[in-house]
Amino acid sequence: MRQIVKDVKKCWELYQQFTEILCPDDNRELNDYSDEEIISEAIYIRNQFTDPMGGWIQYDEYMGEEGEECKKEARKTVRQLNALIKKHGSQTN
């Protein structure tokens, strides 16, 4: 199993996006996605938390508008996504 796939499994939001939505819709396994596709999806998920113009509930969670526990989880998720993007993003060029 590729390291990037192992790292996706450590980030619940990204892993869920693949296993619950993308894999079934695309009729693919997580390991079938390229590193570039995985990084692109990680950036998309991160933007849901950090883009104030996106209108996502994740942004409200990140800003603490849904309570302190949601804020804590959202910030943890963004850290995990940033780490994955930093670690594997340079390898996709």
N, C-alpha and C. Protein backbone atom coordinates (compact mmCIF):
# COMPACT_ATOMS: atom_id res chain seq x y z
N MET A 1 0.85 -1.18 0.00
CA MET A 1 0.00 0.00 0.00
C MET A 1 0.90 1.25 0.00
N ARG A 2 0.58 2.20 -0.85
CA ARG A 2 1.35 3.43 -0.93
C ARG A 2 1.23 4.24 0.36
N GLN A 3 2.27 4.98 0.69
CA GLN A 3 2.30 5.77 1.92
C GLN A 3 1.18 6.81 1.93
N ILE A 4 0.90 7.44 0.81
CA ILE A 4 -0.16 8.46 0.78
C ILE A 4 -1.51 7.86 1.14
N VAL A 5 -1.76 6.64 0.72
CA VAL A 5 -3.02 5.97 1.07
C VAL A 5 -3.07 5.69 2.57
N LYS A 6 -1.96 5.28 3.14
CA LYS A 6 -1.89 5.07 4.59
C LYS A 6 -2.18 6.38 5.32
N ASP A 7 -1.64 7.48 4.79
CA ASP A 7 -1.83 8.78 5.43
C ASP A 7 -3.27 9.28 5.28
N VAL A 8 -3.92 8.95 4.18
CA VAL A 8 -5.34 9.31 4.02
C VAL A 8 -6.17 8.65 5.11
N LYS A 9 -5.84 7.43 5.43
CA LYS A 9 -6.59 6.69 6.45
C LYS A 9 -6.46 7.31 7.84
N LYS A 10 -5.46 8.16 8.04
CA LYS A 10 -5.27 8.83 9.32
C LYS A 10 -6.12 10.10 9.44
N CYS A 11 -6.67 10.55 8.34
CA CYS A 11 -7.47 11.78 8.33
C CYS A 11 -8.93 11.40 8.04
N TRP A 12 -9.73 11.35 9.09
CA TRP A 12 -11.08 10.84 8.99
C TRP A 12 -11.91 11.54 7.91
N GLU A 13 -11.87 12.85 7.84
CA GLU A 13 -12.68 13.59 6.86
C GLU A 13 -12.32 13.19 5.43
N LEU A 14 -11.05 13.13 5.14
CA LEU A 14 -10.60 12.78 3.79
C LEU A 14 -10.89 11.32 3.49
N TYR A 15 -10.63 10.46 4.44
CA TYR A 15 -10.90 9.04 4.27
C TYR A 15 -12.39 8.79 4.01
N GLN A 16 -13.22 9.46 4.77
CA GLN A 16 -14.66 9.31 4.59
C GLN A 16 -15.10 9.82 3.21
N GLN A 17 -14.53 10.93 2.77
CA GLN A 17 -14.86 11.47 1.45
C GLN A 17 -14.59 10.43 0.37
N PHE A 18 -13.46 9.77 0.48
CA PHE A 18 -13.14 8.75 -0.51
C PHE A 18 -14.02 7.52 -0.36
N THR A 19 -14.09 6.96 0.84
CA THR A 19 -14.77 5.67 1.01
C THR A 19 -16.28 5.76 0.91
N GLU A 20 -16.85 6.89 1.33
CA GLU A 20 -18.31 7.01 1.33
C GLU A 20 -18.87 7.67 0.06
N ILE A 21 -18.06 8.46 -0.62
CA ILE A 21 -18.58 9.22 -1.76
C ILE A 21 -17.84 8.90 -3.05
N LEU A 22 -16.55 9.21 -3.08
CA LEU A 22 -15.82 9.12 -4.34
C LEU A 22 -15.65 7.69 -4.84
N CYS A 23 -15.17 6.79 -3.99
CA CYS A 23 -14.95 5.41 -4.42
C CYS A 23 -16.23 4.76 -4.96
N PRO A 24 -17.34 4.84 -4.23
CA PRO A 24 -18.56 4.25 -4.78
C PRO A 24 -19.03 4.93 -6.08
N ASP A 25 -18.95 6.27 -6.12
CA ASP A 25 -19.38 6.99 -7.32
C ASP A 25 -18.52 6.67 -8.53
N ASP A 26 -17.21 6.54 -8.30
CA ASP A 26 -16.28 6.29 -9.39
C ASP A 26 -16.04 4.81 -9.66
N ASN A 27 -16.60 3.96 -8.80
CA ASN A 27 -16.39 2.51 -8.88
C ASN A 27 -14.89 2.19 -8.86
N ARG A 28 -14.18 2.80 -7.91
CA ARG A 28 -12.75 2.63 -7.76
C ARG A 28 -12.42 2.38 -6.29
N GLU A 29 -11.25 1.85 -6.06
CA GLU A 29 -10.71 1.69 -4.72
C GLU A 29 -9.83 2.89 -4.40
N LEU A 30 -9.63 3.18 -3.14
CA LEU A 30 -8.79 4.30 -2.73
C LEU A 30 -7.41 4.22 -3.37
N ASN A 31 -6.84 3.04 -3.41
CA ASN A 31 -5.50 2.86 -3.96
C ASN A 31 -5.45 3.12 -5.47
N ASP A 32 -6.61 3.15 -6.14
CA ASP A 32 -6.66 3.40 -7.58
C ASP A 32 -6.47 4.88 -7.93
N TYR A 33 -6.63 5.76 -6.96
CA TYR A 33 -6.49 7.19 -7.22
C TYR A 33 -5.01 7.57 -7.24
N SER A 34 -4.66 8.47 -8.14
CA SER A 34 -3.29 8.94 -8.22
C SER A 34 -2.98 9.86 -7.03
N ASP A 35 -1.72 10.07 -6.78
CA ASP A 35 -1.31 11.00 -5.73
C ASP A 35 -1.90 12.38 -6.00
N GLU A 36 -1.88 12.80 -7.26
CA GLU A 36 -2.42 14.11 -7.63
C GLU A 36 -3.90 14.23 -7.30
N GLU A 37 -4.65 13.17 -7.58
CA GLU A 37 -6.08 13.19 -7.26
C GLU A 37 -6.31 13.26 -5.76
N ILE A 38 -5.52 12.54 -5.00
CA ILE A 38 -5.67 12.54 -3.55
C ILE A 38 -5.32 13.91 -2.98
N ILE A 39 -4.22 14.50 -3.44
CA ILE A 39 -3.83 15.83 -2.97
C ILE A 39 -4.90 16.85 -3.34
N SER A 40 -5.42 16.77 -4.53
CA SER A 40 -6.46 17.69 -4.97
C SER A 40 -7.69 17.60 -4.06
N GLU A 41 -8.06 16.40 -3.71
CA GLU A 41 -9.21 16.22 -2.82
C GLU A 41 -8.90 16.72 -1.42
N ALA A 42 -7.68 16.52 -0.95
CA ALA A 42 -7.28 17.03 0.37
C ALA A 42 -7.38 18.55 0.40
N ILE A 43 -6.94 19.20 -0.66
CA ILE A 43 -7.03 20.66 -0.74
C ILE A 43 -8.49 21.10 -0.76
N TYR A 44 -9.31 20.39 -1.50
CA TYR A 44 -10.74 20.71 -1.55
C TYR A 44 -11.38 20.60 -0.16
N ILE A 45 -11.09 19.53 0.55
CA ILE A 45 -11.64 19.34 1.89
C ILE A 45 -11.13 20.42 2.83
N ARG A 46 -9.82 20.71 2.77
CA ARG A 46 -9.26 21.77 3.62
C ARG A 46 -9.95 23.10 3.36
N ASN A 47 -10.22 23.40 2.10
CA ASN A 47 -10.87 24.67 1.76
C ASN A 47 -12.28 24.76 2.33
N GLN A 48 -12.93 23.64 2.52
CA GLN A 48 -14.26 23.67 3.14
C GLN A 48 -14.17 24.21 4.57
N PHE A 49 -13.06 23.96 5.22
CA PHE A 49 -12.85 24.43 6.59
C PHE A 49 -12.32 25.86 6.66
N THR A 50 -11.58 26.28 5.66
CA THR A 50 -10.84 27.54 5.78
C THR A 50 -11.32 28.67 4.88
N ASP A 51 -12.21 28.40 3.95
CA ASP A 51 -12.66 29.43 3.01
C ASP A 51 -13.92 30.11 3.53
N PRO A 52 -13.81 31.38 3.95
CA PRO A 52 -14.99 32.06 4.49
C PRO A 52 -16.07 32.33 3.44
N MET A 53 -15.72 32.29 2.18
CA MET A 53 -16.69 32.58 1.13
C MET A 53 -17.37 31.32 0.60
N GLY A 54 -16.94 30.15 1.08
CA GLY A 54 -17.46 28.88 0.57
C GLY A 54 -18.86 28.53 1.03
N GLY A 55 -19.27 29.07 2.19
CA GLY A 55 -20.59 28.75 2.72
C GLY A 55 -20.70 27.36 3.31
N TRP A 56 -19.59 26.76 3.67
CA TRP A 56 -19.60 25.40 4.21
C TRP A 56 -19.80 25.42 5.72
N ILE A 57 -20.50 24.43 6.24
CA ILE A 57 -20.68 24.28 7.68
C ILE A 57 -19.32 24.02 8.34
N GLN A 58 -18.40 23.41 7.60
CA GLN A 58 -17.08 23.13 8.14
C GLN A 58 -16.36 24.42 8.53
N TYR A 59 -16.58 25.49 7.78
CA TYR A 59 -15.97 26.77 8.12
C TYR A 59 -16.51 27.27 9.46
N ASP A 60 -17.82 27.14 9.64
CA ASP A 60 -18.42 27.54 10.92
C ASP A 60 -17.83 26.72 12.07
N GLU A 61 -17.62 25.43 11.84
CA GLU A 61 -17.00 24.59 12.85
C GLU A 61 -15.59 25.06 13.14
N TYR A 62 -14.83 25.34 12.10
CA TYR A 62 -13.44 25.79 12.23
C TYR A 62 -13.34 27.10 13.00
N MET A 63 -14.32 27.97 12.82
CA MET A 63 -14.32 29.26 13.50
C MET A 63 -14.92 29.20 14.89
N GLY A 64 -15.44 28.04 15.29
CA GLY A 64 -15.97 27.87 16.64
C GLY A 64 -17.44 28.22 16.79
N GLU A 65 -18.13 28.44 15.70
CA GLU A 65 -19.54 28.82 15.77
C GLU A 65 -20.45 27.64 16.08
N GLU A 66 -19.91 26.43 16.03
CA GLU A 66 -20.71 25.24 16.34
C GLU A 66 -20.30 24.63 17.68
N GLY A 67 -19.55 25.38 18.45
CA GLY A 67 -19.12 24.91 19.76
C GLY A 67 -17.64 24.61 19.80
N GLU A 68 -17.12 24.58 21.00
CA GLU A 68 -15.68 24.40 21.21
C GLU A 68 -15.19 23.03 20.75
N GLU A 69 -15.98 21.99 20.98
CA GLU A 69 -15.57 20.64 20.58
C GLU A 69 -15.47 20.53 19.06
N CYS A 70 -16.44 21.10 18.35
CA CYS A 70 -16.40 21.10 16.88
C CYS A 70 -15.20 21.88 16.38
N LYS A 71 -14.91 23.00 17.02
CA LYS A 71 -13.77 23.82 16.63
C LYS A 71 -12.48 23.01 16.80
N LYS A 72 -12.35 22.33 17.92
CA LYS A 72 -11.16 21.53 18.19
C LYS A 72 -10.98 20.44 17.13
N GLU A 73 -12.05 19.74 16.79
CA GLU A 73 -11.99 18.69 15.77
C GLU A 73 -11.68 19.26 14.39
N ALA A 74 -12.29 20.39 14.07
CA ALA A 74 -12.06 21.02 12.76
C ALA A 74 -10.60 21.44 12.61
N ARG A 75 -10.05 22.00 13.64
CA ARG A 75 -8.66 22.45 13.59
C ARG A 75 -7.70 21.26 13.50
N LYS A 76 -8.05 20.17 14.17
CA LYS A 76 -7.27 18.94 14.07
C LYS A 76 -7.29 18.42 12.64
N THR A 77 -8.46 18.43 12.03
CA THR A 77 -8.61 17.97 10.65
C THR A 77 -7.77 18.81 9.70
N VAL A 78 -7.81 20.12 9.86
CA VAL A 78 -7.02 21.00 8.99
C VAL A 78 -5.53 20.73 9.18
N ARG A 79 -5.09 20.51 10.40
CA ARG A 79 -3.67 20.18 10.63
C ARG A 79 -3.30 18.88 9.91
N GLN A 80 -4.16 17.88 10.01
CA GLN A 80 -3.90 16.61 9.34
C GLN A 80 -3.84 16.79 7.82
N LEU A 81 -4.78 17.55 7.29
CA LEU A 81 -4.80 17.79 5.84
C LEU A 81 -3.56 18.57 5.40
N ASN A 82 -3.20 19.58 6.15
CA ASN A 82 -2.00 20.36 5.82
C ASN A 82 -0.76 19.47 5.84
N ALA A 83 -0.66 18.60 6.81
CA ALA A 83 0.49 17.70 6.90
C ALA A 83 0.55 16.77 5.70
N LEU A 84 -0.60 16.22 5.31
CA LEU A 84 -0.65 15.33 4.17
C LEU A 84 -0.28 16.07 2.89
N ILE A 85 -0.82 17.26 2.72
CA ILE A 85 -0.54 18.07 1.53
C ILE A 85 0.94 18.43 1.47
N LYS A 86 1.49 18.83 2.60
CA LYS A 86 2.92 19.21 2.65
C LYS A 86 3.80 18.00 2.37
N LYS A 87 3.47 16.87 2.97
CA LYS A 87 4.29 15.68 2.83
C LYS A 87 4.27 15.12 1.42
N HIS A 88 3.10 15.08 0.81
CA HIS A 88 2.95 14.40 -0.48
C HIS A 88 2.78 15.35 -1.67
N GLY A 89 2.46 16.59 -1.39
CA GLY A 89 2.21 17.53 -2.48
C GLY A 89 3.41 17.81 -3.33
N SER A 90 4.58 17.87 -2.74
CA SER A 90 5.79 18.16 -3.52
C SER A 90 6.16 16.98 -4.42
N GLN A 91 5.66 15.81 -4.11
CA GLN A 91 5.97 14.61 -4.90
C GLN A 91 5.10 14.52 -6.15
N THR A 92 4.06 15.36 -6.23
CA THR A 92 3.14 15.26 -7.36
C THR A 92 3.57 16.15 -8.52
N ASN A 93 4.61 16.94 -8.35
CA ASN A 93 5.06 17.83 -9.43
C ASN A 93 5.99 17.13 -10.38
